Structures are given as structure tokens and as C-alpha cells.
Amino acid sequence: MEMDITKNRYETLGETIEYIYGSAEVIGLMMSKIMDLPKESLYYAKYLGRSMQYINFIRDIAEDVKLDRIYFPNKDMKEFNLVDLSEGEVRKKPENYKAFLDKQLERYCQWQKKAEEGYQFIPKRYLIPVKTASEMYNWTAEQIAKYPFIVYDLKVKPKIAQIVTTSVLNMVDSKKHNKAKIICPFKKFLPSKEYD
């Protein structure tokens, strides 16, 4: 988080991931230790923290622009001919912005998919809240994929009733408790890429 004091742009994905490690991957690592998970889980815990942080970056684009921060790799913005992510810039180049966002959501999806492979290491009592949180992040990604400009209109967040319902469904779904539900179900809203 100290990087926010001295840095507000990231040239490469590696630089972005360096920031994410200190702001989110370490949370996954700490939670793994708190839950006393095996060492094999640490790799996946980092990916869960990484994917969740990345969706936060996507969801908070407008807020971060106001703070003069862009966490996405500058190389990605150049690839899609975006000078910045201000609303004025992206409204002038909607197709560029949508393609840029598709790439970011695809990256999130790859990381989330990797994270969900680690569910096998999490006991049911801990997995229920982890899965619920992951599914709410997937829901957030889906809303943004459906309408990419929503991030300039409001902060996309699930309602409490939706979180509670998802949690209850995860409690009831005990037979499949260590398997991923649907990995990145929002892919159908991203027509510009082929997905596995």
C-alpha cells in the first residue's frame, strides 16, 4: 500500500502484480495460515487475493481516476489506444474501452479459475464464506461485462440479501463443497475473445 504514496501508474503487468502482492495476495496467504491450510494451498490463496483485487480495480475505475491512479498496465491502455481511463476518454472510444475491459475481465477470470482449483484444500466450514465471496466477485464481474460503462455510474456491489442467499445455498450444497461452482459465468458477455 506504500506504493500508493509514490506511484500512480504501472507500466507492465509485473508492476501491477507487485502492487497486488502487497495489497491482496498477502491477505490470502495470511488467511491460509489462520485457517491452518496445508502449504499446497498457498499458491491458490495468492491467486484468490489477486483476482479479487483485480475486480476491485475494474469496479473502482472512476474512483481511482479521481485520485489520479490507474492500476492497469499502461501497455494494455496503449494496446487499445487509450490515453487514460477518464470517462471523457473512454466515451470517445467506446469500442477501444470495451476491448480493454474485456482483456482485464479475461485476466480476472484466469486468476479466479486458478484460485478455485485450491478449494480442495479448504474445509467446508471455511469454504462457505470463501465461495460466497468469490461468487459475489464473479457477480460483480458479470454486471460490468454486461454494461462496461456502469463503473462510471455507480459502485457495483451485491445487495446483502443476495450475499445471504448465496451463502445459504453454499451451505446446502455440501456434496460439492470443495469444487468450483461455475468458473467465470460472465464469459458469455465477452464476445471479443475465445475462451476455454
Protein backbone atom coordinates (compact mmCIF):
# COMPACT_ATOMS: atom_id res chain seq x y z
CA MET A 1 0.00 0.00 0.00
CA GLU A 2 3.01 2.26 0.49
CA MET A 3 3.32 2.30 -3.31
CA ASP A 4 0.18 4.49 -3.45
CA ILE A 5 2.25 7.31 -1.95
CA THR A 6 4.94 7.27 -4.61
CA LYS A 7 3.40 5.61 -7.68
CA ASN A 8 0.14 6.17 -9.53
CA ARG A 9 0.82 4.43 -12.86
CA TYR A 10 2.02 0.92 -13.69
CA GLU A 11 3.80 0.26 -16.96
CA THR A 12 3.67 -3.54 -17.03
CA LEU A 13 1.55 -6.35 -15.64
CA GLY A 14 4.55 -7.32 -13.50
CA GLU A 15 4.46 -3.92 -11.78
CA THR A 16 0.72 -4.24 -11.22
CA ILE A 17 1.17 -7.71 -9.73
CA GLU A 18 3.90 -6.38 -7.43
CA TYR A 19 1.35 -3.92 -6.05
CA ILE A 20 -1.32 -6.62 -5.83
CA TYR A 21 1.02 -8.91 -3.91
CA GLY A 22 1.37 -6.38 -1.11
CA SER A 23 -2.26 -5.25 -1.11
CA ALA A 24 -4.14 -8.52 -1.62
CA GLU A 25 -2.15 -11.71 -2.20
CA VAL A 26 -0.70 -11.43 1.29
CA ILE A 27 -4.26 -11.40 2.65
CA GLY A 28 -4.85 -14.78 1.01
CA LEU A 29 -1.59 -16.06 2.49
CA MET A 30 -2.48 -14.78 5.98
CA MET A 31 -5.96 -16.29 5.79
CA SER A 32 -4.46 -19.64 4.77
CA LYS A 33 -2.28 -19.56 7.87
CA ILE A 34 -5.21 -18.55 10.09
CA MET A 35 -7.30 -21.43 8.67
CA ASP A 36 -4.30 -23.75 9.11
CA LEU A 37 -4.42 -24.89 5.49
CA PRO A 38 -1.66 -27.06 4.01
CA LYS A 39 1.31 -25.44 2.25
CA GLU A 40 -0.08 -26.61 -1.09
CA SER A 41 -2.94 -24.13 -0.68
CA LEU A 42 -0.71 -21.04 -0.60
CA TYR A 43 -0.28 -20.89 -4.37
CA TYR A 44 -4.06 -20.77 -4.86
CA ALA A 45 -4.62 -18.38 -1.96
CA LYS A 46 -2.39 -15.82 -3.70
CA TYR A 47 -4.48 -16.14 -6.86
CA LEU A 48 -7.71 -15.62 -4.93
CA GLY A 49 -6.38 -12.41 -3.41
CA ARG A 50 -5.06 -11.33 -6.81
CA SER A 51 -8.32 -11.94 -8.64
CA MET A 52 -10.42 -10.18 -6.01
CA GLN A 53 -8.11 -7.15 -6.04
CA TYR A 54 -8.29 -7.01 -9.82
CA ILE A 55 -12.08 -6.90 -9.83
CA ASN A 56 -11.84 -4.10 -7.28
CA PHE A 57 -9.58 -2.23 -9.72
CA ILE A 58 -12.13 -2.72 -12.50
CA ARG A 59 -15.11 -1.80 -10.31
CA ASP A 60 -13.34 1.30 -8.97
CA ILE A 61 -12.01 2.74 -12.25
CA ALA A 62 -13.90 6.05 -11.91
CA GLU A 63 -12.97 6.43 -8.23
CA ASP A 64 -9.30 5.74 -8.93
CA VAL A 65 -9.23 8.17 -11.87
CA LYS A 66 -10.41 10.91 -9.49
CA LEU A 67 -7.47 10.02 -7.23
CA ASP A 68 -5.17 10.13 -10.30
CA ARG A 69 -4.44 6.41 -10.06
CA ILE A 70 -4.50 3.73 -12.75
CA TYR A 71 -3.53 0.25 -11.61
CA PHE A 72 -3.86 -1.44 -15.01
CA PRO A 73 -0.72 -1.92 -17.08
CA ASN A 74 -0.08 1.11 -19.26
CA LYS A 75 0.85 -1.34 -22.03
CA ASP A 76 -2.77 -2.53 -22.09
CA MET A 77 -4.07 1.03 -22.44
CA LYS A 78 -1.64 1.71 -25.28
CA GLU A 79 -2.73 -1.53 -26.97
CA PHE A 80 -6.28 -0.17 -27.12
CA ASN A 81 -5.27 3.44 -27.87
CA LEU A 82 -6.50 4.84 -24.56
CA VAL A 83 -4.64 7.82 -23.12
CA ASP A 84 -6.25 7.29 -19.73
CA LEU A 85 -9.44 5.87 -18.24
CA SER A 86 -11.28 9.12 -17.65
CA GLU A 87 -14.93 8.96 -18.60
CA GLY A 88 -14.42 11.55 -21.33
CA GLU A 89 -11.64 9.48 -22.94
CA VAL A 90 -13.50 6.16 -22.86
CA ARG A 91 -16.79 7.67 -24.06
CA LYS A 92 -14.93 8.99 -27.14
CA LYS A 93 -13.55 5.49 -27.80
CA PRO A 94 -16.24 3.06 -26.60
CA GLU A 95 -15.07 0.09 -28.67
CA ASN A 96 -11.47 0.55 -27.51
CA TYR A 97 -12.64 0.77 -23.91
CA LYS A 98 -14.83 -2.34 -24.21
CA ALA A 99 -11.95 -4.31 -25.75
CA PHE A 100 -9.63 -3.06 -22.99
CA LEU A 101 -12.15 -4.09 -20.34
CA ASP A 102 -12.64 -7.49 -21.99
CA LYS A 103 -8.91 -8.08 -21.60
CA GLN A 104 -8.99 -7.10 -17.91
CA LEU A 105 -12.03 -9.32 -17.22
CA GLU A 106 -10.37 -12.20 -19.04
CA ARG A 107 -7.30 -11.77 -16.83
CA TYR A 108 -9.51 -11.73 -13.73
CA CYS A 109 -11.22 -14.88 -14.98
CA GLN A 110 -7.94 -16.74 -15.49
CA TRP A 111 -6.78 -15.84 -11.99
CA GLN A 112 -10.13 -16.70 -10.44
CA LYS A 113 -10.15 -20.05 -12.22
CA LYS A 114 -6.70 -20.82 -10.80
CA ALA A 115 -7.84 -19.75 -7.32
CA GLU A 116 -10.89 -22.03 -7.43
CA GLU A 117 -8.64 -25.04 -8.04
CA GLY A 118 -7.49 -24.52 -4.46
CA TYR A 119 -10.97 -25.05 -2.98
CA GLN A 120 -9.98 -28.68 -2.48
CA PHE A 121 -7.71 -27.62 0.40
CA ILE A 122 -10.35 -25.65 2.31
CA PRO A 123 -12.53 -27.39 4.93
CA LYS A 124 -16.27 -26.90 4.42
CA ARG A 125 -16.77 -24.55 7.37
CA TYR A 126 -14.25 -22.14 5.87
CA LEU A 127 -15.11 -22.77 2.25
CA ILE A 128 -18.67 -21.49 2.54
CA PRO A 129 -17.65 -17.85 3.14
CA VAL A 130 -14.74 -18.10 0.68
CA LYS A 131 -17.01 -19.42 -2.09
CA THR A 132 -19.68 -16.87 -1.26
CA ALA A 133 -17.19 -14.02 -1.54
CA SER A 134 -15.82 -15.42 -4.81
CA GLU A 135 -19.29 -15.76 -6.27
CA MET A 136 -20.07 -12.16 -5.35
CA TYR A 137 -16.91 -11.05 -7.14
CA ASN A 138 -17.99 -13.12 -10.16
CA TRP A 139 -21.40 -11.44 -9.99
CA THR A 140 -19.69 -8.03 -9.94
CA ALA A 141 -17.63 -9.00 -12.99
CA GLU A 142 -20.79 -10.15 -14.76
CA GLN A 143 -22.55 -6.83 -14.16
CA ILE A 144 -19.55 -4.93 -15.53
CA ALA A 145 -19.24 -7.27 -18.52
CA LYS A 146 -22.92 -6.67 -19.38
CA TYR A 147 -22.55 -2.88 -19.22
CA PRO A 148 -18.91 -1.75 -19.20
CA PHE A 149 -19.75 1.91 -18.54
CA ILE A 150 -21.54 1.07 -15.29
CA VAL A 151 -18.28 1.73 -13.42
CA TYR A 152 -18.74 5.43 -14.22
CA ASP A 153 -22.34 5.45 -12.99
CA LEU A 154 -22.23 3.57 -9.69
CA LYS A 155 -20.21 1.26 -7.47
CA VAL A 156 -21.27 -2.27 -8.40
CA LYS A 157 -21.93 -4.20 -5.19
CA PRO A 158 -24.27 -7.09 -4.43
CA LYS A 159 -27.10 -6.46 -2.00
CA ILE A 160 -26.99 -8.04 1.46
CA ALA A 161 -29.97 -10.30 0.62
CA GLN A 162 -28.06 -11.67 -2.39
CA ILE A 163 -24.99 -12.37 -0.25
CA VAL A 164 -27.06 -14.14 2.42
CA THR A 165 -28.94 -16.21 -0.18
CA THR A 166 -25.69 -17.25 -1.87
CA SER A 167 -24.21 -18.18 1.50
CA VAL A 168 -27.21 -20.32 2.40
CA LEU A 169 -27.08 -22.06 -0.98
CA ASN A 170 -23.39 -22.79 -0.42
CA MET A 171 -24.20 -24.29 3.00
CA VAL A 172 -26.84 -26.54 1.46
CA ASP A 173 -24.52 -27.56 -1.38
CA SER A 174 -22.40 -29.72 0.91
CA LYS A 175 -21.89 -32.59 -1.57
CA LYS A 176 -19.94 -30.34 -3.91
CA HIS A 177 -18.38 -28.18 -1.23
CA ASN A 178 -14.80 -28.47 -2.47
CA LYS A 179 -15.49 -27.98 -6.16
CA ALA A 180 -15.73 -24.70 -8.03
CA LYS A 181 -19.30 -23.77 -8.89
CA ILE A 182 -19.25 -22.08 -12.29
CA ILE A 183 -15.93 -20.55 -13.19
CA CYS A 184 -16.38 -17.05 -14.58
CA PRO A 185 -20.01 -17.45 -15.69
CA PHE A 186 -19.95 -13.96 -17.22
CA LYS A 187 -17.76 -15.06 -20.14
CA LYS A 188 -20.85 -15.16 -22.35
CA PHE A 189 -20.91 -11.37 -22.14
CA LEU A 190 -17.40 -11.06 -23.56
CA PRO A 191 -17.85 -11.71 -27.29
CA SER A 192 -14.46 -10.50 -28.45
CA LYS A 193 -12.39 -13.50 -27.27
CA GLU A 194 -12.40 -17.26 -27.43
CA TYR A 195 -12.47 -18.93 -24.02
CA ASP A 196 -11.63 -22.42 -22.84
